[in-house]
Structures are given as C-alpha cells and as structure tokens.
Amino acid sequence: QEEFVESGGGLVQPGESLRLSCAAAGSMFWMYYMGWYRQVPGKERELVARITSDGAEDYAESVKGRFTISRDNAKSMLYLQMNNVRSEDTAVYYCNEVGLNMPSNWGQGTQVTVSS
C-alpha cells in the first residue's frame, strides 16, 4: 500500500498563504486519484480537495477559490496551495488516495494553525 509523507504546515496569520507538500513512496502515484484531507479534534476527517490522475480538480465549498491542488507525477508529489487562509482552516492536513471508502492507513499529517 502506498505511503505518504506530508510537510509544509505551520503557524500563519489570517489572509496569508501556505503551501503543503505530500511525497508518495511508491511508483504507482501517477495513477492514483489523490486528495487533501483535514481533521480537527472531535470532528471527522473531511476531504477538501481532490485531483484525478490527469489533473482534473475538485474542491469543497469551504475552500473553493482559495485553495489549489496540484500534482507532479514525475516526482510523485502532491501539493496544496492555501491562499487567504482563515481561522477555520486550522487542522491537521493529510494526503491520501480518494476512493469509494475513506482510506484506512494515514501518514502523520502536517499541522496548519491560522491565528493572529
């Protein structure tokens, strides 16, 4: 099963930008439907952005127009550009495959904290 390592999180102020990265360990990344998920304590993990193997994007309403998902299949990398962040974007962000069911194995994630 593919393994993913997320990075790029940190503390930012409202309105600022942040770019998250996700490195895939395997060689089949190029064929995966991938997404960025986020989770806050006490809430279920939610899918906020997804991208097909050939680059078609889709976003949750809460981030549409502010976040951009992208991928580099040659480098087995997934990215999330977060612009104009809000306090409600504070969460641990994870990357993983997108399928009919929520994935069962997860990386350590990367913490994003939006606070003034």
C-alpha atoms as a PDB file:
ATOM      1  CA  GLN A   1       0.000   0.000   0.000  1.00  0.00           C
ATOM      2  CA  GLU A   2       1.194   3.456  -0.867  1.00  0.00           C
ATOM      3  CA  GLU A   3       2.716   5.595   1.877  1.00  0.00           C
ATOM      4  CA  PHE A   4       2.535   9.373   2.013  1.00  0.00           C
ATOM      5  CA  VAL A   5       4.551  11.963   3.937  1.00  0.00           C
ATOM      6  CA  GLU A   6       3.063  15.406   4.409  1.00  0.00           C
ATOM      7  CA  SER A   7       5.015  18.599   5.100  1.00  0.00           C
ATOM      8  CA  GLY A   8       4.786  22.364   4.925  1.00  0.00           C
ATOM      9  CA  GLY A   9       2.407  23.155   7.753  1.00  0.00           C
ATOM     10  CA  GLY A  10       2.941  25.877  10.292  1.00  0.00           C
ATOM     11  CA  LEU A  11       1.534  28.917  12.028  1.00  0.00           C
ATOM     12  CA  VAL A  12       0.183  31.617   9.756  1.00  0.00           C
ATOM     13  CA  GLN A  13      -1.995  34.678  10.185  1.00  0.00           C
ATOM     14  CA  PRO A  14      -5.427  35.062   8.601  1.00  0.00           C
ATOM     15  CA  GLY A  15      -5.152  36.138   4.985  1.00  0.00           C
ATOM     16  CA  GLU A  16      -1.701  34.685   4.482  1.00  0.00           C
ATOM     17  CA  SER A  17      -0.634  31.799   2.260  1.00  0.00           C
ATOM     18  CA  LEU A  18       0.886  28.391   2.827  1.00  0.00           C
ATOM     19  CA  ARG A  19       1.912  25.532   0.555  1.00  0.00           C
ATOM     20  CA  LEU A  20       1.636  21.941   1.682  1.00  0.00           C
ATOM     21  CA  SER A  21       3.558  19.093   0.068  1.00  0.00           C
ATOM     22  CA  CYS A  22       2.995  15.360   0.025  1.00  0.00           C
ATOM     23  CA  ALA A  23       5.608  12.841  -1.029  1.00  0.00           C
ATOM     24  CA  ALA A  24       4.484   9.405  -2.193  1.00  0.00           C
ATOM     25  CA  ALA A  25       6.819   6.494  -1.524  1.00  0.00           C
ATOM     26  CA  GLY A  26       5.699   4.131  -4.265  1.00  0.00           C
ATOM     27  CA  SER A  27       5.973   4.127  -8.025  1.00  0.00           C
ATOM     28  CA  MET A  28       2.269   3.986  -8.850  1.00  0.00           C
ATOM     29  CA  PHE A  29       1.404   7.511  -7.677  1.00  0.00           C
ATOM     30  CA  TRP A  30       0.739   8.665 -11.202  1.00  0.00           C
ATOM     31  CA  MET A  31      -2.379   6.510 -11.472  1.00  0.00           C
ATOM     32  CA  TYR A  32      -3.978   7.433  -8.139  1.00  0.00           C
ATOM     33  CA  TYR A  33      -6.926   9.718  -7.608  1.00  0.00           C
ATOM     34  CA  MET A  34      -5.467  11.865  -4.819  1.00  0.00           C
ATOM     35  CA  GLY A  35      -6.816  14.259  -2.265  1.00  0.00           C
ATOM     36  CA  TRP A  36      -6.051  16.522   0.646  1.00  0.00           C
ATOM     37  CA  TYR A  37      -7.999  15.849   3.798  1.00  0.00           C
ATOM     38  CA  ARG A  38      -8.112  17.715   7.071  1.00  0.00           C
ATOM     39  CA  GLN A  39      -9.197  16.933  10.593  1.00  0.00           C
ATOM     40  CA  VAL A  40      -9.768  18.925  13.750  1.00  0.00           C
ATOM     41  CA  PRO A  41     -10.117  17.319  17.170  1.00  0.00           C
ATOM     42  CA  GLY A  42     -13.580  15.963  17.775  1.00  0.00           C
ATOM     43  CA  LYS A  43     -14.598  16.077  14.127  1.00  0.00           C
ATOM     44  CA  GLU A  44     -14.470  13.627  11.276  1.00  0.00           C
ATOM     45  CA  ARG A  45     -11.765  13.857   8.688  1.00  0.00           C
ATOM     46  CA  GLU A  46     -13.002  15.728   5.624  1.00  0.00           C
ATOM     47  CA  LEU A  47     -11.866  15.800   2.022  1.00  0.00           C
ATOM     48  CA  VAL A  48     -11.160  19.378   0.961  1.00  0.00           C
ATOM     49  CA  ALA A  49      -9.547  18.989  -2.458  1.00  0.00           C
ATOM     50  CA  ARG A  50      -9.031  16.192  -4.934  1.00  0.00           C
ATOM     51  CA  ILE A  51      -7.317  15.685  -8.254  1.00  0.00           C
ATOM     52  CA  THR A  52      -7.527  12.913 -10.805  1.00  0.00           C
ATOM     53  CA  SER A  53      -4.517  11.197 -12.321  1.00  0.00           C
ATOM     54  CA  ASP A  54      -4.714  13.514 -15.330  1.00  0.00           C
ATOM     55  CA  GLY A  55      -5.210  16.705 -13.331  1.00  0.00           C
ATOM     56  CA  ALA A  56      -8.929  17.394 -13.049  1.00  0.00           C
ATOM     57  CA  GLU A  57      -9.575  19.229  -9.770  1.00  0.00           C
ATOM     58  CA  ASP A  58     -12.487  19.456  -7.378  1.00  0.00           C
ATOM     59  CA  TYR A  59     -12.908  21.353  -4.106  1.00  0.00           C
ATOM     60  CA  ALA A  60     -15.100  21.513  -1.058  1.00  0.00           C
ATOM     61  CA  GLU A  61     -17.178  24.668  -0.957  1.00  0.00           C
ATOM     62  CA  SER A  62     -15.363  25.837   2.157  1.00  0.00           C
ATOM     63  CA  VAL A  63     -12.046  26.166   0.287  1.00  0.00           C
ATOM     64  CA  LYS A  64     -13.129  26.801  -3.292  1.00  0.00           C
ATOM     65  CA  GLY A  65     -11.426  29.848  -4.751  1.00  0.00           C
ATOM     66  CA  ARG A  66      -8.764  29.898  -2.008  1.00  0.00           C
ATOM     67  CA  PHE A  67      -7.020  26.508  -2.242  1.00  0.00           C
ATOM     68  CA  THR A  68      -5.412  24.922  -5.286  1.00  0.00           C
ATOM     69  CA  ILE A  69      -4.437  21.281  -5.528  1.00  0.00           C
ATOM     70  CA  SER A  70      -1.767  20.160  -7.963  1.00  0.00           C
ATOM     71  CA  ARG A  71       0.445  17.183  -8.634  1.00  0.00           C
ATOM     72  CA  ASP A  72       3.762  16.318 -10.223  1.00  0.00           C
ATOM     73  CA  ASN A  73       3.518  12.705 -11.309  1.00  0.00           C
ATOM     74  CA  ALA A  74       7.157  12.582 -12.386  1.00  0.00           C
ATOM     75  CA  LYS A  75       8.215  13.412  -8.832  1.00  0.00           C
ATOM     76  CA  SER A  76       5.374  11.536  -7.107  1.00  0.00           C
ATOM     77  CA  MET A  77       4.387  14.755  -5.335  1.00  0.00           C
ATOM     78  CA  LEU A  78       1.052  16.303  -4.386  1.00  0.00           C
ATOM     79  CA  TYR A  79       0.646  19.944  -3.361  1.00  0.00           C
ATOM     80  CA  LEU A  80      -1.932  22.180  -1.768  1.00  0.00           C
ATOM     81  CA  GLN A  81      -1.569  25.928  -2.212  1.00  0.00           C
ATOM     82  CA  MET A  82      -3.569  27.626   0.522  1.00  0.00           C
ATOM     83  CA  ASN A  83      -4.307  31.315  -0.011  1.00  0.00           C
ATOM     84  CA  ASN A  84      -6.271  33.769   2.111  1.00  0.00           C
ATOM     85  CA  VAL A  85      -6.380  31.285   4.962  1.00  0.00           C
ATOM     86  CA  ARG A  86      -8.961  31.599   7.713  1.00  0.00           C
ATOM     87  CA  SER A  87      -9.060  30.507  11.323  1.00  0.00           C
ATOM     88  CA  GLU A  88     -11.442  27.707  10.360  1.00  0.00           C
ATOM     89  CA  ASP A  89      -8.722  26.222   8.154  1.00  0.00           C
ATOM     90  CA  THR A  90      -6.823  25.263  11.294  1.00  0.00           C
ATOM     91  CA  ALA A  91      -6.468  21.483  11.213  1.00  0.00           C
ATOM     92  CA  VAL A  92      -4.103  18.614  10.620  1.00  0.00           C
ATOM     93  CA  TYR A  93      -3.830  18.104   6.873  1.00  0.00           C
ATOM     94  CA  TYR A  94      -3.303  14.712   5.266  1.00  0.00           C
ATOM     95  CA  CYS A  95      -2.888  13.479   1.735  1.00  0.00           C
ATOM     96  CA  ASN A  96      -4.207  10.145   0.588  1.00  0.00           C
ATOM     97  CA  GLU A  97      -5.942   8.334  -2.195  1.00  0.00           C
ATOM     98  CA  VAL A  98      -9.562   9.129  -2.999  1.00  0.00           C
ATOM     99  CA  GLY A  99     -11.929   6.198  -3.408  1.00  0.00           C
ATOM    100  CA  LEU A 100     -15.351   4.892  -2.558  1.00  0.00           C
ATOM    101  CA  ASN A 101     -14.366   4.486   1.096  1.00  0.00           C
ATOM    102  CA  MET A 102     -12.209   6.580   3.383  1.00  0.00           C
ATOM    103  CA  PRO A 103      -8.656   5.203   3.412  1.00  0.00           C
ATOM    104  CA  SER A 104      -7.697   3.168   6.452  1.00  0.00           C
ATOM    105  CA  ASN A 105      -3.973   3.984   6.646  1.00  0.00           C
ATOM    106  CA  TRP A 106      -2.756   7.518   7.162  1.00  0.00           C
ATOM    107  CA  GLY A 107       0.518   9.377   7.464  1.00  0.00           C
ATOM    108  CA  GLN A 108       1.392  11.683  10.332  1.00  0.00           C
ATOM    109  CA  GLY A 109      -0.156  14.724   8.649  1.00  0.00           C
ATOM    110  CA  THR A 110       1.021  18.317   8.922  1.00  0.00           C
ATOM    111  CA  GLN A 111      -0.456  20.833  11.348  1.00  0.00           C
ATOM    112  CA  VAL A 112      -1.782  24.107   9.985  1.00  0.00           C
ATOM    113  CA  THR A 113      -2.664  26.756  12.536  1.00  0.00           C
ATOM    114  CA  VAL A 114      -4.238  30.029  11.459  1.00  0.00           C
ATOM    115  CA  SER A 115      -4.145  32.611  14.198  1.00  0.00           C
ATOM    116  CA  SER A 116      -3.407  36.280  14.664  1.00  0.00           C
END
